[in-house]
């Protein structure tokens, strides 16, 4: 800040987040969980497939896999269908003339999203062994390095606000906290301030170049 924010010494000051605006563009599929291998000749040779980084639902993954398989030269008698089981929260994979390998370490990393085990799935219908994990982000956490008295799991952490967007991927996030919780400011002079977003696991949130607007309010207390 030029000039720096200077607070009179006769009072203490506190700050709150009043609003966050950006777009829901952070991906649930990226280089960590976008791979699987297919075989069109009953396991003699294997082809690596990778989904492009993006925001996917099960239907979107199904469409993308079909397109990638077609691009690899699959014949018309090759069929793949991936659908969610909304009752068990698992996924159902139907295969004809195609095998899928979700093993091989990172080469089959898409299994972690769809709930499948580290093995080869041959022709037929298969239900995933585990619940689908399509949402990697459960909470968006806003950090600010000039506040105190905030904790996460009992440990001091500069968290000033957390939320989850109430819109679908691709739409604009406009979040206004209903209950404003002010936190003490640790400095009497602020020349610069760092603010950053993470998920619930403290992994940096990739908003893929979208503009991020955050509004704060400071008051004497």
C-alpha atoms as a PDB file:
ATOM      1  CA  UNK A   1       0.000   0.000   0.000  1.00  0.00           C
ATOM      2  CA  UNK A   2       1.282   3.463  -0.906  1.00  0.00           C
ATOM      3  CA  UNK A   3       1.103   5.181   1.473  1.00  0.00           C
ATOM      4  CA  UNK A   4       0.979   2.380   4.084  1.00  0.00           C
ATOM      5  CA  UNK A   5      -2.130   1.877   6.182  1.00  0.00           C
ATOM      6  CA  UNK A   6      -1.372   3.389   9.580  1.00  0.00           C
ATOM      7  CA  UNK A   7      -3.620   2.834  12.614  1.00  0.00           C
ATOM      8  CA  UNK A   8      -3.707   5.156  15.650  1.00  0.00           C
ATOM      9  CA  UNK A   9      -2.170   3.573  18.754  1.00  0.00           C
ATOM     10  CA  UNK A  10      -5.085   4.519  21.033  1.00  0.00           C
ATOM     11  CA  UNK A  11      -7.239   1.675  19.640  1.00  0.00           C
ATOM     12  CA  UNK A  12      -6.996  -1.887  18.456  1.00  0.00           C
ATOM     13  CA  UNK A  13      -8.231  -2.807  14.996  1.00  0.00           C
ATOM     14  CA  UNK A  14      -9.883  -5.804  13.445  1.00  0.00           C
ATOM     15  CA  UNK A  15     -10.779  -6.951   9.947  1.00  0.00           C
ATOM     16  CA  UNK A  16     -13.402  -9.083   8.253  1.00  0.00           C
ATOM     17  CA  UNK A  17     -13.992 -10.458   4.768  1.00  0.00           C
ATOM     18  CA  UNK A  18     -17.155  -8.912   3.308  1.00  0.00           C
ATOM     19  CA  UNK A  19     -17.226 -10.625  -0.061  1.00  0.00           C
ATOM     20  CA  UNK A  20     -15.499 -12.872  -2.600  1.00  0.00           C
ATOM     21  CA  UNK A  21     -16.086 -12.768  -6.352  1.00  0.00           C
ATOM     22  CA  UNK A  22     -14.533 -14.990  -9.018  1.00  0.00           C
ATOM     23  CA  UNK A  23     -15.566 -17.786 -11.393  1.00  0.00           C
ATOM     24  CA  UNK A  24     -16.003 -21.455 -10.569  1.00  0.00           C
ATOM     25  CA  UNK A  25     -13.160 -22.618 -12.804  1.00  0.00           C
ATOM     26  CA  UNK A  26     -10.951 -24.570 -10.401  1.00  0.00           C
ATOM     27  CA  UNK A  27     -10.588 -28.086 -11.833  1.00  0.00           C
ATOM     28  CA  UNK A  28     -11.489 -31.394 -10.259  1.00  0.00           C
ATOM     29  CA  UNK A  29      -9.537 -33.225 -12.967  1.00  0.00           C
ATOM     30  CA  UNK A  30      -5.887 -32.359 -13.594  1.00  0.00           C
ATOM     31  CA  UNK A  31      -2.491 -34.028 -13.961  1.00  0.00           C
ATOM     32  CA  UNK A  32      -2.875 -35.781 -10.605  1.00  0.00           C
ATOM     33  CA  UNK A  33      -5.992 -37.800 -11.464  1.00  0.00           C
ATOM     34  CA  UNK A  34      -6.636 -37.738 -15.227  1.00  0.00           C
ATOM     35  CA  UNK A  35      -5.055 -40.933 -16.600  1.00  0.00           C
ATOM     36  CA  UNK A  36      -6.065 -44.461 -17.535  1.00  0.00           C
ATOM     37  CA  UNK A  37      -4.934 -47.116 -20.017  1.00  0.00           C
ATOM     38  CA  UNK A  38      -7.061 -48.931 -22.604  1.00  0.00           C
ATOM     39  CA  UNK A  39      -6.532 -51.994 -24.744  1.00  0.00           C
ATOM     40  CA  UNK A  40      -8.415 -52.615 -27.985  1.00  0.00           C
ATOM     41  CA  UNK A  41      -6.816 -56.043 -28.594  1.00  0.00           C
ATOM     42  CA  UNK A  42      -7.615 -57.896 -25.345  1.00  0.00           C
ATOM     43  CA  UNK A  43      -4.535 -56.820 -23.440  1.00  0.00           C
ATOM     44  CA  UNK A  44      -1.829 -57.310 -26.085  1.00  0.00           C
ATOM     45  CA  UNK A  45      -1.064 -53.585 -26.286  1.00  0.00           C
ATOM     46  CA  UNK A  46      -2.055 -50.665 -24.087  1.00  0.00           C
ATOM     47  CA  UNK A  47      -2.774 -47.032 -24.946  1.00  0.00           C
ATOM     48  CA  UNK A  48      -2.489 -44.204 -22.406  1.00  0.00           C
ATOM     49  CA  UNK A  49      -5.402 -41.740 -22.254  1.00  0.00           C
ATOM     50  CA  UNK A  50      -5.366 -38.398 -20.437  1.00  0.00           C
ATOM     51  CA  UNK A  51      -8.339 -36.149 -19.805  1.00  0.00           C
ATOM     52  CA  UNK A  52      -7.722 -32.433 -20.271  1.00  0.00           C
ATOM     53  CA  UNK A  53      -7.643 -30.349 -17.098  1.00  0.00           C
ATOM     54  CA  UNK A  54     -11.123 -29.079 -16.303  1.00  0.00           C
ATOM     55  CA  UNK A  55     -14.355 -29.265 -14.294  1.00  0.00           C
ATOM     56  CA  UNK A  56     -16.099 -32.585 -14.934  1.00  0.00           C
ATOM     57  CA  UNK A  57     -19.160 -34.488 -13.834  1.00  0.00           C
ATOM     58  CA  UNK A  58     -19.502 -38.221 -14.521  1.00  0.00           C
ATOM     59  CA  UNK A  59     -21.385 -37.528 -17.753  1.00  0.00           C
ATOM     60  CA  UNK A  60     -18.584 -35.236 -18.927  1.00  0.00           C
ATOM     61  CA  UNK A  61     -15.927 -37.856 -18.191  1.00  0.00           C
ATOM     62  CA  UNK A  62     -17.973 -40.405 -20.162  1.00  0.00           C
ATOM     63  CA  UNK A  63     -18.233 -38.086 -23.175  1.00  0.00           C
ATOM     64  CA  UNK A  64     -14.517 -37.231 -23.096  1.00  0.00           C
ATOM     65  CA  UNK A  65     -13.434 -40.871 -22.832  1.00  0.00           C
ATOM     66  CA  UNK A  66     -15.592 -41.841 -25.810  1.00  0.00           C
ATOM     67  CA  UNK A  67     -14.044 -39.053 -27.868  1.00  0.00           C
ATOM     68  CA  UNK A  68     -10.482 -40.012 -26.889  1.00  0.00           C
ATOM     69  CA  UNK A  69     -11.107 -43.672 -27.689  1.00  0.00           C
ATOM     70  CA  UNK A  70     -12.473 -42.751 -31.106  1.00  0.00           C
ATOM     71  CA  UNK A  71      -9.393 -40.591 -31.742  1.00  0.00           C
ATOM     72  CA  UNK A  72      -7.210 -43.640 -31.020  1.00  0.00           C
ATOM     73  CA  UNK A  73      -8.819 -45.480 -33.928  1.00  0.00           C
ATOM     74  CA  UNK A  74     -11.368 -47.635 -32.143  1.00  0.00           C
ATOM     75  CA  UNK A  75     -13.799 -49.440 -34.428  1.00  0.00           C
ATOM     76  CA  UNK A  76     -17.571 -49.011 -34.303  1.00  0.00           C
ATOM     77  CA  UNK A  77     -18.011 -52.235 -32.323  1.00  0.00           C
ATOM     78  CA  UNK A  78     -16.045 -50.767 -29.390  1.00  0.00           C
ATOM     79  CA  UNK A  79     -18.364 -49.449 -26.693  1.00  0.00           C
ATOM     80  CA  UNK A  80     -17.747 -47.701 -23.380  1.00  0.00           C
ATOM     81  CA  UNK A  81     -20.423 -46.285 -21.109  1.00  0.00           C
ATOM     82  CA  UNK A  82     -19.835 -44.656 -17.734  1.00  0.00           C
ATOM     83  CA  UNK A  83     -22.817 -43.619 -15.600  1.00  0.00           C
ATOM     84  CA  UNK A  84     -23.342 -42.755 -11.927  1.00  0.00           C
ATOM     85  CA  UNK A  85     -25.308 -44.971  -9.554  1.00  0.00           C
ATOM     86  CA  UNK A  86     -27.208 -42.281  -7.674  1.00  0.00           C
ATOM     87  CA  UNK A  87     -28.385 -44.756  -5.040  1.00  0.00           C
ATOM     88  CA  UNK A  88     -24.991 -46.143  -3.975  1.00  0.00           C
ATOM     89  CA  UNK A  89     -22.942 -43.071  -5.047  1.00  0.00           C
ATOM     90  CA  UNK A  90     -20.690 -45.397  -7.032  1.00  0.00           C
ATOM     91  CA  UNK A  91     -20.088 -45.486 -10.788  1.00  0.00           C
ATOM     92  CA  UNK A  92     -21.030 -48.150 -13.336  1.00  0.00           C
ATOM     93  CA  UNK A  93     -18.722 -48.932 -16.261  1.00  0.00           C
ATOM     94  CA  UNK A  94     -19.924 -50.970 -19.246  1.00  0.00           C
ATOM     95  CA  UNK A  95     -17.315 -52.246 -21.720  1.00  0.00           C
ATOM     96  CA  UNK A  96     -17.491 -54.039 -25.054  1.00  0.00           C
ATOM     97  CA  UNK A  97     -14.375 -54.937 -27.054  1.00  0.00           C
ATOM     98  CA  UNK A  98     -12.265 -52.722 -24.815  1.00  0.00           C
ATOM     99  CA  UNK A  99     -10.306 -53.322 -21.605  1.00  0.00           C
ATOM    100  CA  UNK A 100      -9.416 -50.614 -19.091  1.00  0.00           C
ATOM    101  CA  UNK A 101      -6.442 -50.693 -16.734  1.00  0.00           C
ATOM    102  CA  UNK A 102      -6.766 -48.483 -13.644  1.00  0.00           C
ATOM    103  CA  UNK A 103      -3.511 -49.839 -12.184  1.00  0.00           C
ATOM    104  CA  UNK A 104       0.064 -48.884 -12.935  1.00  0.00           C
ATOM    105  CA  UNK A 105       0.357 -46.131 -10.349  1.00  0.00           C
ATOM    106  CA  UNK A 106      -0.210 -42.724 -11.922  1.00  0.00           C
ATOM    107  CA  UNK A 107      -1.019 -44.347 -15.278  1.00  0.00           C
ATOM    108  CA  UNK A 108      -4.437 -45.253 -13.894  1.00  0.00           C
ATOM    109  CA  UNK A 109      -4.994 -42.266 -11.619  1.00  0.00           C
ATOM    110  CA  UNK A 110      -8.562 -41.614 -12.870  1.00  0.00           C
ATOM    111  CA  UNK A 111      -9.616 -44.529 -10.639  1.00  0.00           C
ATOM    112  CA  UNK A 112      -9.430 -42.209  -7.606  1.00  0.00           C
ATOM    113  CA  UNK A 113     -12.238 -40.089  -9.085  1.00  0.00           C
ATOM    114  CA  UNK A 114     -14.477 -42.911 -10.304  1.00  0.00           C
ATOM    115  CA  UNK A 115     -14.021 -45.240  -7.319  1.00  0.00           C
ATOM    116  CA  UNK A 116     -12.417 -48.181  -9.128  1.00  0.00           C
ATOM    117  CA  UNK A 117      -9.676 -50.460  -7.851  1.00  0.00           C
ATOM    118  CA  UNK A 118      -6.105 -50.806  -9.133  1.00  0.00           C
ATOM    119  CA  UNK A 119      -6.799 -53.546 -11.675  1.00  0.00           C
ATOM    120  CA  UNK A 120      -7.851 -54.387 -15.225  1.00  0.00           C
ATOM    121  CA  UNK A 121     -11.548 -54.333 -16.144  1.00  0.00           C
ATOM    122  CA  UNK A 122     -12.545 -56.465 -19.132  1.00  0.00           C
ATOM    123  CA  UNK A 123     -15.704 -56.718 -21.256  1.00  0.00           C
ATOM    124  CA  UNK A 124     -18.890 -56.564 -19.203  1.00  0.00           C
ATOM    125  CA  UNK A 125     -20.513 -54.292 -16.642  1.00  0.00           C
ATOM    126  CA  UNK A 126     -18.572 -53.280 -13.543  1.00  0.00           C
ATOM    127  CA  UNK A 127     -19.637 -51.252 -10.505  1.00  0.00           C
ATOM    128  CA  UNK A 128     -16.892 -49.322  -8.745  1.00  0.00           C
ATOM    129  CA  UNK A 129     -15.606 -50.738  -5.478  1.00  0.00           C
ATOM    130  CA  UNK A 130     -15.638 -47.350  -3.779  1.00  0.00           C
ATOM    131  CA  UNK A 131     -17.765 -44.209  -3.675  1.00  0.00           C
ATOM    132  CA  UNK A 132     -17.159 -41.668  -6.432  1.00  0.00           C
ATOM    133  CA  UNK A 133     -14.882 -38.793  -5.402  1.00  0.00           C
ATOM    134  CA  UNK A 134     -15.828 -36.277  -8.081  1.00  0.00           C
ATOM    135  CA  UNK A 135     -15.436 -33.198  -5.835  1.00  0.00           C
ATOM    136  CA  UNK A 136     -11.858 -32.595  -4.740  1.00  0.00           C
ATOM    137  CA  UNK A 137     -12.666 -29.247  -3.111  1.00  0.00           C
ATOM    138  CA  UNK A 138     -14.942 -29.395  -0.071  1.00  0.00           C
ATOM    139  CA  UNK A 139     -14.111 -25.922   1.251  1.00  0.00           C
ATOM    140  CA  UNK A 140     -12.524 -22.794  -0.186  1.00  0.00           C
ATOM    141  CA  UNK A 141     -10.382 -21.225   2.515  1.00  0.00           C
ATOM    142  CA  UNK A 142      -9.284 -17.579   2.375  1.00  0.00           C
ATOM    143  CA  UNK A 143      -6.034 -16.767   4.173  1.00  0.00           C
ATOM    144  CA  UNK A 144      -4.696 -13.328   5.138  1.00  0.00           C
ATOM    145  CA  UNK A 145      -1.291 -12.782   6.738  1.00  0.00           C
ATOM    146  CA  UNK A 146      -2.172  -9.757   8.912  1.00  0.00           C
ATOM    147  CA  UNK A 147      -4.819 -11.328  11.184  1.00  0.00           C
ATOM    148  CA  UNK A 148      -4.619 -13.532  14.279  1.00  0.00           C
ATOM    149  CA  UNK A 149      -6.750 -15.652  16.661  1.00  0.00           C
ATOM    150  CA  UNK A 150      -7.832 -18.023  13.892  1.00  0.00           C
ATOM    151  CA  UNK A 151      -7.234 -21.758  14.184  1.00  0.00           C
ATOM    152  CA  UNK A 152      -7.584 -24.826  11.992  1.00  0.00           C
ATOM    153  CA  UNK A 153      -7.680 -28.222  13.709  1.00  0.00           C
ATOM    154  CA  UNK A 154      -6.449 -26.527  16.888  1.00  0.00           C
ATOM    155  CA  UNK A 155      -3.416 -24.951  15.200  1.00  0.00           C
ATOM    156  CA  UNK A 156      -2.935 -21.215  14.595  1.00  0.00           C
ATOM    157  CA  UNK A 157      -3.723 -20.435  10.962  1.00  0.00           C
ATOM    158  CA  UNK A 158      -4.349 -17.067   9.225  1.00  0.00           C
ATOM    159  CA  UNK A 159      -7.830 -18.033   7.988  1.00  0.00           C
ATOM    160  CA  UNK A 160     -10.201 -15.104   7.669  1.00  0.00           C
ATOM    161  CA  UNK A 161     -13.063 -16.832   5.825  1.00  0.00           C
ATOM    162  CA  UNK A 162     -14.145 -20.188   4.378  1.00  0.00           C
ATOM    163  CA  UNK A 163     -17.053 -21.116   2.108  1.00  0.00           C
ATOM    164  CA  UNK A 164     -18.164 -23.355  -0.741  1.00  0.00           C
ATOM    165  CA  UNK A 165     -19.692 -21.904  -3.933  1.00  0.00           C
ATOM    166  CA  UNK A 166     -23.452 -22.290  -4.365  1.00  0.00           C
ATOM    167  CA  UNK A 167     -23.174 -22.236  -8.177  1.00  0.00           C
ATOM    168  CA  UNK A 168     -22.291 -24.817 -10.821  1.00  0.00           C
ATOM    169  CA  UNK A 169     -18.862 -25.057 -12.522  1.00  0.00           C
ATOM    170  CA  UNK A 170     -18.374 -22.288 -15.055  1.00  0.00           C
ATOM    171  CA  UNK A 171     -20.657 -19.821 -13.289  1.00  0.00           C
ATOM    172  CA  UNK A 172     -19.690 -16.726 -11.331  1.00  0.00           C
ATOM    173  CA  UNK A 173     -19.171 -16.986  -7.589  1.00  0.00           C
ATOM    174  CA  UNK A 174     -20.554 -14.047  -5.607  1.00  0.00           C
ATOM    175  CA  UNK A 175     -20.276 -14.874  -1.911  1.00  0.00           C
ATOM    176  CA  UNK A 176     -21.352 -12.461   0.836  1.00  0.00           C
ATOM    177  CA  UNK A 177     -20.886 -13.708   4.425  1.00  0.00           C
ATOM    178  CA  UNK A 178     -24.124 -13.484   6.398  1.00  0.00           C
ATOM    179  CA  UNK A 179     -22.397 -13.437   9.781  1.00  0.00           C
ATOM    180  CA  UNK A 180     -19.387 -11.126   9.829  1.00  0.00           C
ATOM    181  CA  UNK A 181     -16.638 -12.412  12.123  1.00  0.00           C
ATOM    182  CA  UNK A 182     -13.967  -9.794  12.776  1.00  0.00           C
ATOM    183  CA  UNK A 183     -10.431 -10.899  13.642  1.00  0.00           C
ATOM    184  CA  UNK A 184      -7.635  -8.812  15.231  1.00  0.00           C
ATOM    185  CA  UNK A 185      -5.050  -7.169  13.004  1.00  0.00           C
ATOM    186  CA  UNK A 186      -1.511  -7.992  14.099  1.00  0.00           C
ATOM    187  CA  UNK A 187       0.209  -4.834  12.749  1.00  0.00           C
ATOM    188  CA  UNK A 188      -0.085  -1.128  13.479  1.00  0.00           C
ATOM    189  CA  UNK A 189       1.272  -0.271  10.013  1.00  0.00           C
ATOM    190  CA  UNK A 190       0.425  -2.339   6.946  1.00  0.00           C
ATOM    191  CA  UNK A 191       2.668  -1.701   3.961  1.00  0.00           C
ATOM    192  CA  UNK A 192       1.691  -4.894   2.210  1.00  0.00           C
ATOM    193  CA  UNK A 193      -0.740  -7.757   2.722  1.00  0.00           C
ATOM    194  CA  UNK A 194      -0.807 -11.258   1.242  1.00  0.00           C
ATOM    195  CA  UNK A 195      -4.089 -13.043   0.599  1.00  0.00           C
ATOM    196  CA  UNK A 196      -4.377 -16.545  -0.858  1.00  0.00           C
ATOM    197  CA  UNK A 197      -6.910 -19.320  -1.477  1.00  0.00           C
ATOM    198  CA  UNK A 198      -6.535 -23.005  -0.619  1.00  0.00           C
ATOM    199  CA  UNK A 199      -8.761 -26.036  -0.370  1.00  0.00           C
ATOM    200  CA  UNK A 200      -9.498 -27.921   2.850  1.00  0.00           C
ATOM    201  CA  UNK A 201      -6.144 -29.741   2.573  1.00  0.00           C
ATOM    202  CA  UNK A 202      -4.154 -26.482   2.299  1.00  0.00           C
ATOM    203  CA  UNK A 203      -3.492 -27.138  -1.392  1.00  0.00           C
ATOM    204  CA  UNK A 204      -3.331 -23.937  -3.436  1.00  0.00           C
ATOM    205  CA  UNK A 205      -6.540 -23.374  -5.371  1.00  0.00           C
ATOM    206  CA  UNK A 206      -6.061 -23.044  -9.124  1.00  0.00           C
ATOM    207  CA  UNK A 207      -8.565 -20.477 -10.406  1.00  0.00           C
ATOM    208  CA  UNK A 208      -6.982 -20.776 -13.864  1.00  0.00           C
ATOM    209  CA  UNK A 209      -6.235 -17.118 -14.401  1.00  0.00           C
ATOM    210  CA  UNK A 210      -9.680 -15.818 -13.464  1.00  0.00           C
ATOM    211  CA  UNK A 211      -9.963 -12.409 -11.798  1.00  0.00           C
ATOM    212  CA  UNK A 212     -10.443 -12.606  -8.043  1.00  0.00           C
ATOM    213  CA  UNK A 213     -12.064  -9.762  -6.091  1.00  0.00           C
ATOM    214  CA  UNK A 214     -12.039  -9.793  -2.283  1.00  0.00           C
ATOM    215  CA  UNK A 215     -13.587  -7.063  -0.119  1.00  0.00           C
ATOM    216  CA  UNK A 216     -12.427  -6.398   3.452  1.00  0.00           C
ATOM    217  CA  UNK A 217     -13.664  -4.062   6.196  1.00  0.00           C
ATOM    218  CA  UNK A 218     -11.462  -2.702   8.980  1.00  0.00           C
ATOM    219  CA  UNK A 219     -12.782  -1.126  12.156  1.00  0.00           C
ATOM    220  CA  UNK A 220     -11.583   0.003  15.570  1.00  0.00           C
ATOM    221  CA  UNK A 221     -12.543  -2.179  18.503  1.00  0.00           C
END
